[in-house]
Amino acid sequence: MLQRQPTTDFPLTPPLYGQRDASKNLDRYNVDEYEVPSRLGVLKNLDKFDSEFFSVHAKQATILDPRIRFLLEVTYEAIIDAGINPVTIQGSKTGVFLGGSEGEAGTIWKRSTTKPNMYGILGNVLSMMANRLSYTFDFNGPSYVVDTACSSSSVALQQALHAIRTGLCDAAIVAGAHIHHDPIASYCFHYLKMTSKDGKCKSFDASADGYVRAEAAVALYLCKKQNAKRSYATFVHAATNNDGYKEQGITFPCEKQQEVVIRQVYEECGISPNDVDYLEAHGTGTKVGDPEEMFAVTKVFCEGRTRPLVVGSVKSNMGHPEPVAGLCGVAKVLLSHHAGVLPPNLHYTDPNPEIPVLHDGRVTIVDKITPFNAKYVGFNSMGFGGTNVHMLLKLTPKEETLKIWKPKIPLILNFSGRTQEAVETFLQTALTRQQNQNFVRLTQEIQKYDIPRHPFRGYVIVTPEKAEIQEIRGEISSSLG
């Protein structure tokens, strides 16, 4: 699993655990001219892309939707993080399931005065978000984009689970990316009274008045449990439905259908809702959305429950990445499990009076850094067109992912990279993690095959004796080849 979130390059650093809001004052366009909120959760390095590494022609790279650039990066990194060398799964029946919406970069390209060319179409059509990944990594499974607005990536995940279980593919990349370039979209959401006036997402708070828009890119690598080289968690089940007709209008959330889809998951998988330790809620911080969601949650999770249901929403920390929201919630939970703590919901000081369970003790909103040792975690996701999703995940016990050992004989760990600096970083990391059995095993698995376009090589000798580590540190530069 790999993620890019606003402000930071890697999600285990602030703001998620530093209790800082990731949104910032916007400088991409004149917010006063377009009458849009002044804050946005933005990604860094939109102009950075190693086109040569991904075999993208320079002319194509200059007009390639930045979302696709990020997707190529996080997909590659997610495969590596799974303990797999990408070369070994070329030509495999791996599916690509993308959650995404119409690209704002494409909107700008269409209005550009520059003479159109074929690269614009190839780089900005929505289907290419998935198909470019299949092409680059040579995957032969299903490849398509799901667009259900804010539940897009969650539906994509549900589709991937179904595809693997029914044999449509052996493994899957589930990913999503969202970037804001065009002020018109922000204006429309603001006009619909969906976004917060002060640029803060105050999930479940009495002062909640909407969300702040955000950017993100996330990729998960899914496979059957018996084939996993490394496992953060197991997805137990997922289901999706739609609200259908509503008198209040198409964007009005529907408590009844949210309850239906949540119950469906637990009835079909045979696990009690009372066994769920934590719920990552949709929690956009809207006046209607938060109460409707929590009414459904109350009916399913709080009947006969003997302990409070712990609830949080990543949107309070980083903003709402819209079609990628579901995957950002999953990434938050996996990283929290790894760290052993849950980040607090920001801007939560006065519980919403319209949500009774926040006042009677049946639901606890995470409002401070909290120890996290859950087994089952539920996820809610809703699109503003009425498409609801609920997912259930079983976390892998930490003792199974952090096995400590000491090698009986010295081992050579090989590393490769695009630059000498990258290889040196790998070598230093190896010295600090040489007693982590999974790290050593996965490194050996990945590096036993050449990685294309990695011109720099290095190695480190892993031993049980600390005295030899100091000698190796001095030899790092000479071990580069």
Foldseek 3Di string as FASTA:
>chain_A
DAKFFFPDRGPVDPPFAVVAARKDADDLDDCVVLVFARIERETPDLVDADCVQLVHDPVLVVQAQSLLRVQLVQACVQCLVLLAALVVCAQFQEEEEEFEDQAPSLVVVVVDPPDDDPSNVCRHDQQNSFVVNCVSSRHDAHTGFAYLWQCRLVVSVQVQVVCCVVVSHQKYKRKYWFHDNDCVVSSVCVVVQAADNNAFQQFQAQPQRHWHEYTMIHIHIGGDPVPGLADFWAWQHKDKDFPPDDPVDQLQEALVVQLVRVVVGCVVRVHALLQAQEEAEQRGRHPRVRQSNLVSVCVRNQVVRPAAHEYEYCCRRRIRNISCRQVVSVVQVSVCQVVQKGGARPNHDHGHPSRCCCPPRNYDYRHHIGGDDGAKYKYWTAGSSGMIMIIIIGGDHVCVRFPFAFDPDKDKQKDFALDLVVQLVVQVVCLVRVRRVSVRVSSCSNPVDDRPNGPKMFMFIGHRDPVVSVVRNVCGVVRID
